Amino acid sequence: MFVTLPQFHHPVLDAAASGQQHWSAVVASFPLQPWWYLFVYEAKYLDTRINNTMLVSWEELLIRVLGSVPATDHRALYRVELGEAGDLVFKSVQALWAPSSSEAEACVGAVFRFDGNSELLGADLRPVSELERRSVVFWAGPRTSESGPEMR
């Protein structure tokens, strides 16, 4: 979860953005959510395209956010955790799948494959079955089609 503070509100930018609010800083509340996600995507801005960065707290919301951005505009996805020494640890996500129906019933919020690790892991970083049928939501590898592989 993220906390916004009044002193970091940037109302000048709000005037140009229909209904959006702009903040120069947010606070990540690690006691409430021990990890969060940093999503980089390309978006149109005026007459050009720029990279935007979004911070997301929960896997269910992350899946919705990723689905709302065309796969061709996805640039990078990282899981950000608080390390043992109090530092931030960034894990690069190679692939993310929406959970199968049985996984969703078991409260598996998403299924990940991180760079340097061939295992499929749930959000709690425990291994999950390779045999489940899932819909791909994010794919950082070579694309076989516009949306990457269809299922895993």
Protein backbone atom coordinates (compact mmCIF):
# COMPACT_ATOMS: atom_id res chain seq x y z
CA MET A 1 0.00 0.00 0.00
CA PHE A 2 1.19 3.55 -0.67
CA VAL A 3 0.63 6.64 1.42
CA THR A 4 0.41 10.13 -0.05
CA LEU A 5 1.20 13.19 2.00
CA PRO A 6 -0.23 16.66 1.32
CA GLN A 7 3.20 18.30 1.06
CA PHE A 8 4.01 16.06 -1.94
CA HIS A 9 0.86 16.91 -3.93
CA HIS A 10 1.66 18.66 -7.22
CA PRO A 11 -1.53 20.62 -8.12
CA VAL A 12 0.04 22.42 -11.12
CA LEU A 13 0.20 19.14 -13.07
CA ASP A 14 -3.33 18.23 -11.92
CA ALA A 15 -4.76 21.16 -13.89
CA ALA A 16 -3.66 19.60 -17.20
CA ALA A 17 -4.79 16.07 -16.36
CA SER A 18 -8.49 15.34 -16.41
CA GLY A 19 -9.29 14.06 -12.94
CA GLN A 20 -5.80 12.76 -12.12
CA GLN A 21 -3.71 13.82 -9.16
CA HIS A 22 0.06 14.10 -9.31
CA TRP A 23 2.44 13.40 -6.44
CA SER A 24 6.17 14.08 -6.30
CA ALA A 25 6.57 11.31 -3.70
CA VAL A 26 4.65 8.42 -2.16
CA VAL A 27 5.48 6.29 0.86
CA ALA A 28 5.56 2.50 0.47
CA SER A 29 4.00 0.97 3.57
CA PHE A 30 6.00 -2.26 3.95
CA PRO A 31 4.37 -3.36 7.23
CA LEU A 32 1.02 -3.58 5.42
CA GLN A 33 2.38 -5.06 2.19
CA PRO A 34 5.85 -6.69 2.35
CA TRP A 35 6.37 -6.34 -1.41
CA TRP A 36 5.05 -4.31 -4.29
CA TYR A 37 5.52 -4.06 -8.03
CA LEU A 38 7.10 -1.49 -10.32
CA PHE A 39 5.67 -1.60 -13.85
CA VAL A 40 7.28 0.33 -16.73
CA TYR A 41 5.21 0.87 -19.86
CA GLU A 42 5.17 3.12 -22.89
CA ALA A 43 2.37 5.66 -23.25
CA LYS A 44 1.44 8.50 -25.57
CA TYR A 45 2.18 11.96 -24.21
CA LEU A 46 1.29 14.93 -26.42
CA ASP A 47 2.90 14.10 -29.79
CA THR A 48 5.41 11.56 -28.54
CA ARG A 49 5.65 8.31 -26.60
CA ILE A 50 7.30 8.14 -23.19
CA ASN A 51 7.99 5.51 -20.55
CA ASN A 52 5.71 5.71 -17.50
CA THR A 53 6.31 3.96 -14.20
CA MET A 54 3.50 2.67 -11.99
CA LEU A 55 3.72 1.26 -8.46
CA VAL A 56 1.17 -1.44 -7.63
CA SER A 57 0.50 -3.08 -4.25
CA TRP A 58 -1.46 -6.29 -4.91
CA GLU A 59 -1.29 -9.05 -7.49
CA GLU A 60 -5.00 -8.89 -8.34
CA LEU A 61 -4.68 -5.18 -9.14
CA LEU A 62 -1.40 -5.78 -10.99
CA ILE A 63 -3.14 -8.27 -13.29
CA ARG A 64 -5.87 -5.69 -14.04
CA VAL A 65 -3.31 -2.94 -14.65
CA LEU A 66 -1.22 -5.10 -16.98
CA GLY A 67 -4.37 -6.11 -18.87
CA SER A 68 -5.32 -2.46 -19.39
CA VAL A 69 -2.03 -1.66 -21.17
CA PRO A 70 -1.39 -3.20 -24.60
CA ALA A 71 1.24 -5.96 -24.34
CA THR A 72 3.31 -4.21 -27.01
CA ASP A 73 3.68 -1.24 -24.61
CA HIS A 74 4.93 -3.34 -21.65
CA ARG A 75 8.59 -2.54 -20.98
CA ALA A 76 9.57 -4.05 -17.60
CA LEU A 77 8.12 -5.43 -14.39
CA TYR A 78 9.89 -5.72 -11.04
CA ARG A 79 8.91 -7.08 -7.66
CA VAL A 80 10.29 -4.76 -4.97
CA GLU A 81 10.93 -6.20 -1.51
CA LEU A 82 12.45 -4.92 1.68
CA GLY A 83 15.76 -6.74 2.15
CA GLU A 84 17.10 -8.07 5.45
CA ALA A 85 19.44 -5.09 5.81
CA GLY A 86 16.60 -2.62 5.18
CA ASP A 87 17.59 -2.09 1.54
CA LEU A 88 15.25 -2.51 -1.42
CA VAL A 89 15.62 -5.65 -3.51
CA PHE A 90 14.38 -5.54 -7.12
CA LYS A 91 13.49 -8.89 -8.74
CA SER A 92 13.00 -8.71 -12.48
CA VAL A 93 9.85 -10.53 -13.60
CA GLN A 94 10.30 -12.58 -16.78
CA ALA A 95 6.68 -13.74 -16.92
CA LEU A 96 3.45 -13.39 -14.97
CA TRP A 97 0.29 -15.45 -15.33
CA ALA A 98 -3.17 -14.98 -13.87
CA PRO A 99 -3.88 -17.86 -11.49
CA SER A 100 -5.93 -20.81 -12.68
CA SER A 101 -9.40 -21.10 -11.14
CA SER A 102 -8.18 -23.68 -8.61
CA GLU A 103 -5.21 -21.47 -7.69
CA ALA A 104 -7.50 -18.44 -7.27
CA GLU A 105 -9.67 -20.49 -4.89
CA ALA A 106 -6.50 -21.32 -2.93
CA CYS A 107 -5.65 -17.56 -2.77
CA VAL A 108 -2.72 -17.69 -5.20
CA GLY A 109 -2.84 -14.10 -6.46
CA ALA A 110 -0.53 -14.57 -9.46
CA VAL A 111 2.13 -16.92 -10.82
CA PHE A 112 5.62 -15.58 -11.57
CA ARG A 113 8.84 -16.58 -13.26
CA PHE A 114 11.71 -14.34 -12.22
CA ASP A 115 14.93 -13.77 -14.18
CA GLY A 116 17.53 -16.35 -13.21
CA ASN A 117 14.93 -18.78 -11.85
CA SER A 118 13.18 -21.40 -13.98
CA GLU A 119 10.59 -22.28 -11.31
CA LEU A 120 7.03 -20.99 -11.36
CA LEU A 121 6.29 -19.27 -8.05
CA GLY A 122 3.22 -17.86 -6.34
CA ALA A 123 3.29 -14.39 -4.78
CA ASP A 124 4.48 -16.01 -1.53
CA LEU A 125 7.48 -17.31 -3.55
CA ARG A 126 6.49 -20.95 -3.06
CA PRO A 127 6.65 -23.23 -6.11
CA VAL A 128 3.37 -23.86 -7.94
CA SER A 129 2.39 -26.61 -10.37
CA GLU A 130 3.71 -26.40 -13.91
CA LEU A 131 0.64 -28.31 -15.10
CA GLU A 132 -2.07 -25.69 -14.48
CA ARG A 133 -3.56 -23.86 -17.48
CA ARG A 134 -3.11 -20.13 -17.04
CA SER A 135 -3.46 -16.93 -19.07
CA VAL A 136 -0.25 -14.99 -19.59
CA VAL A 137 -0.45 -11.37 -18.43
CA PHE A 138 3.17 -10.23 -18.79
CA TRP A 139 5.97 -11.71 -20.87
CA ALA A 140 9.48 -10.17 -21.00
CA GLY A 141 10.93 -12.84 -23.30
CA PRO A 142 10.84 -13.02 -27.08
CA ARG A 143 7.29 -12.69 -28.34
CA THR A 144 5.72 -15.35 -30.51
CA SER A 145 2.71 -13.06 -31.10
CA GLU A 146 1.59 -9.62 -29.98
CA SER A 147 0.61 -10.89 -26.53
CA GLY A 148 3.39 -13.44 -26.04
CA PRO A 149 2.57 -17.08 -25.37
CA GLU A 150 -1.10 -17.92 -24.92
CA MET A 151 -0.91 -20.32 -21.97
CA ARG A 152 1.53 -22.09 -19.71
